[in-house]
Protein backbone atom coordinates (compact mmCIF):
# COMPACT_ATOMS: atom_id res chain seq x y z
CA UNK A 1 68.94 171.14 86.46
CA UNK A 2 70.51 174.58 86.84
CA UNK A 3 67.92 175.21 89.66
CA UNK A 4 69.36 172.36 91.82
CA UNK A 5 70.80 173.33 95.15
CA UNK A 6 74.55 172.24 95.46
CA UNK A 7 73.76 170.72 98.89
CA UNK A 8 71.18 168.27 97.37
CA UNK A 9 73.70 167.12 94.70
CA UNK A 10 76.28 166.54 97.35
CA UNK A 11 73.84 164.62 99.61
CA UNK A 12 72.92 162.55 96.50
CA UNK A 13 76.52 161.84 95.50
CA UNK A 14 77.11 160.74 99.21
CA UNK A 15 74.16 158.49 99.25
CA UNK A 16 75.22 156.85 95.82
CA UNK A 17 78.71 156.31 97.31
CA UNK A 18 77.31 154.74 100.37
CA UNK A 19 75.24 152.27 98.17
CA UNK A 20 78.41 151.51 96.16
CA UNK A 21 80.43 150.88 99.38
CA UNK A 22 77.71 148.63 100.73
CA UNK A 23 77.47 146.68 97.48
CA UNK A 24 81.18 146.21 97.35
CA UNK A 25 81.01 144.31 100.64
CA UNK A 26 78.67 141.65 99.31
CA UNK A 27 79.09 138.87 96.84
CA UNK A 28 76.73 136.92 94.54
CA UNK A 29 77.41 133.18 94.73
CA UNK A 30 75.44 132.44 91.51
CA UNK A 31 75.33 128.85 90.59
CA UNK A 32 78.05 128.17 93.12
CA UNK A 33 75.47 128.33 95.88
CA UNK A 34 73.90 125.17 94.59
CA UNK A 35 77.20 123.40 94.77
CA UNK A 36 77.75 124.59 98.34
CA UNK A 37 74.29 123.51 99.30
CA UNK A 38 74.74 120.03 97.84
CA UNK A 39 78.13 119.65 99.64
CA UNK A 40 76.53 120.57 102.92
CA UNK A 41 73.77 118.09 102.21
CA UNK A 42 76.39 115.43 101.59
CA UNK A 43 77.99 116.20 104.92
CA UNK A 44 74.66 115.88 106.71
CA UNK A 45 74.01 112.54 104.93
CA UNK A 46 77.54 111.31 105.76
CA UNK A 47 76.68 111.62 109.48
CA UNK A 48 74.14 108.70 108.97
CA UNK A 49 76.76 106.44 107.35
CA UNK A 50 79.58 104.59 109.01
CA UNK A 51 82.79 106.56 109.68
CA UNK A 52 85.20 104.52 111.71
CA UNK A 53 84.92 100.76 112.39
CA UNK A 54 81.16 100.75 111.76
CA UNK A 55 80.36 103.67 114.07
CA UNK A 56 78.09 106.22 112.44
CA UNK A 57 79.21 109.67 111.80
CA UNK A 58 76.62 111.11 114.25
CA UNK A 59 77.87 108.91 117.00
CA UNK A 60 81.41 109.93 116.34
CA UNK A 61 80.24 113.57 116.55
CA UNK A 62 78.65 112.89 119.95
CA UNK A 63 81.69 111.27 121.49
CA UNK A 64 81.73 107.57 120.26
CA UNK A 65 84.85 108.31 118.23
CA UNK A 66 88.13 109.21 119.57
CA UNK A 67 90.92 111.48 118.38
CA UNK A 68 91.05 113.15 114.98
CA UNK A 69 87.78 111.84 113.48
CA UNK A 70 85.78 113.43 116.23
CA UNK A 71 87.60 116.76 115.72
CA UNK A 72 86.82 116.42 112.09
CA UNK A 73 83.29 115.62 112.78
CA UNK A 74 82.78 118.91 114.64
CA UNK A 75 84.79 120.78 111.95
CA UNK A 76 82.64 119.12 109.13
CA UNK A 77 79.45 120.30 110.81
CA UNK A 78 80.56 123.76 111.55
CA UNK A 79 82.55 124.49 108.42
CA UNK A 80 80.42 122.44 106.06
CA UNK A 81 76.99 123.25 107.22
CA UNK A 82 76.65 126.21 109.78
CA UNK A 83 79.23 128.58 108.40
CA UNK A 84 78.20 128.23 104.72
CA UNK A 85 74.53 128.86 105.76
CA UNK A 86 75.53 132.04 107.72
CA UNK A 87 77.76 133.26 104.76
CA UNK A 88 75.22 132.58 102.02
CA UNK A 89 72.61 134.45 104.11
CA UNK A 90 74.71 137.46 104.80
CA UNK A 91 76.83 137.28 101.49
CA UNK A 92 79.92 139.17 102.93
CA UNK A 93 83.33 138.77 101.31
CA UNK A 94 85.00 138.55 104.66
CA UNK A 95 82.85 135.49 105.64
CA UNK A 96 83.62 133.90 102.30
CA UNK A 97 87.36 134.21 103.29
CA UNK A 98 86.69 132.71 106.64
CA UNK A 99 84.91 129.83 104.97
CA UNK A 100 87.78 129.16 102.57
CA UNK A 101 90.32 129.21 105.37
CA UNK A 102 88.16 127.14 107.69
CA UNK A 103 87.46 124.69 104.84
CA UNK A 104 91.19 124.28 104.28
CA UNK A 105 91.82 123.58 108.07
CA UNK A 106 88.91 121.07 108.01
CA UNK A 107 90.27 119.44 104.90
CA UNK A 108 93.59 118.75 106.50
CA UNK A 109 91.80 117.38 109.59
CA UNK A 110 89.74 115.08 107.31
CA UNK A 111 92.50 113.78 105.38
CA UNK A 112 94.51 113.10 108.59
CA UNK A 113 91.34 111.42 110.04
CA UNK A 114 91.38 108.93 107.12
CA UNK A 115 95.08 108.50 107.53
CA UNK A 116 94.81 107.83 111.30
CA UNK A 117 92.05 105.26 110.77
CA UNK A 118 94.30 103.22 108.57
CA UNK A 119 97.38 103.10 110.78
CA UNK A 120 97.91 101.64 114.32
CA UNK A 121 100.78 101.28 116.60
CA UNK A 122 100.99 97.60 115.99
CA UNK A 123 101.79 95.68 112.92
CA UNK A 124 98.18 95.20 111.91
CA UNK A 125 96.35 97.83 109.73
CA UNK A 126 93.62 99.92 111.29
CA UNK A 127 89.90 99.54 110.84
CA UNK A 128 90.06 101.94 107.91
CA UNK A 129 87.62 104.83 107.07
CA UNK A 130 84.04 104.24 106.44
CA UNK A 131 82.23 105.50 103.50
CA UNK A 132 80.69 108.37 105.48
CA UNK A 133 84.00 109.70 106.52
CA UNK A 134 85.27 109.63 102.97
CA UNK A 135 82.14 111.40 101.57
CA UNK A 136 82.41 114.04 104.34
CA UNK A 137 86.18 114.70 103.49
CA UNK A 138 85.32 114.87 99.76
CA UNK A 139 82.42 117.24 100.48
CA UNK A 140 84.66 119.49 102.60
CA UNK A 141 87.36 119.52 99.77
CA UNK A 142 84.63 120.55 97.35
CA UNK A 143 83.57 123.42 99.78
CA UNK A 144 87.21 124.40 99.96
CA UNK A 145 87.46 124.76 96.18
CA UNK A 146 84.28 126.66 95.81
CA UNK A 147 84.97 129.01 98.65
CA UNK A 148 88.50 129.76 97.36
CA UNK A 149 87.11 130.51 93.87
CA UNK A 150 84.39 132.65 95.29
CA UNK A 151 86.39 134.55 97.78
CA UNK A 152 89.19 135.23 95.19
CA UNK A 153 86.74 136.56 92.57
CA UNK A 154 86.34 139.79 94.32
CA UNK A 155 86.91 142.68 91.84
CA UNK A 156 89.51 145.19 92.70
CA UNK A 157 88.25 148.21 94.61
CA UNK A 158 88.13 151.44 92.81
């Protein structure tokens, strides 16, 4: 070892530090990835079920719904299916936080969607949420919990 060139050791140290910095930007979801995948599947299944007044979630997504359930349909597909797929593929901490915050916003929109389907401006109750809408909201809330736990589990930087 005494015959080593100091420049070689400095280069090796820099390479090791680069690998450490790169690894610090990534996360390992572990068994949580399965829960996230099941929740995403539940959102996709919910689109085939009735959401509002017997209208399927896919129809609500493509414009048959009005107001907040339609907004939530878009949010559920983006936040519950597309964004988790990207995040689990890239495994970046920043994307995990984006998923957590977006899941929070989608959860609020989902709960408000259920509420708005139950209320009307008249004295009669609204049509109420369908099973698909409730399933999608529950799946988004599950995603919110999983993403918050995953994003907050980052070890402190050294």
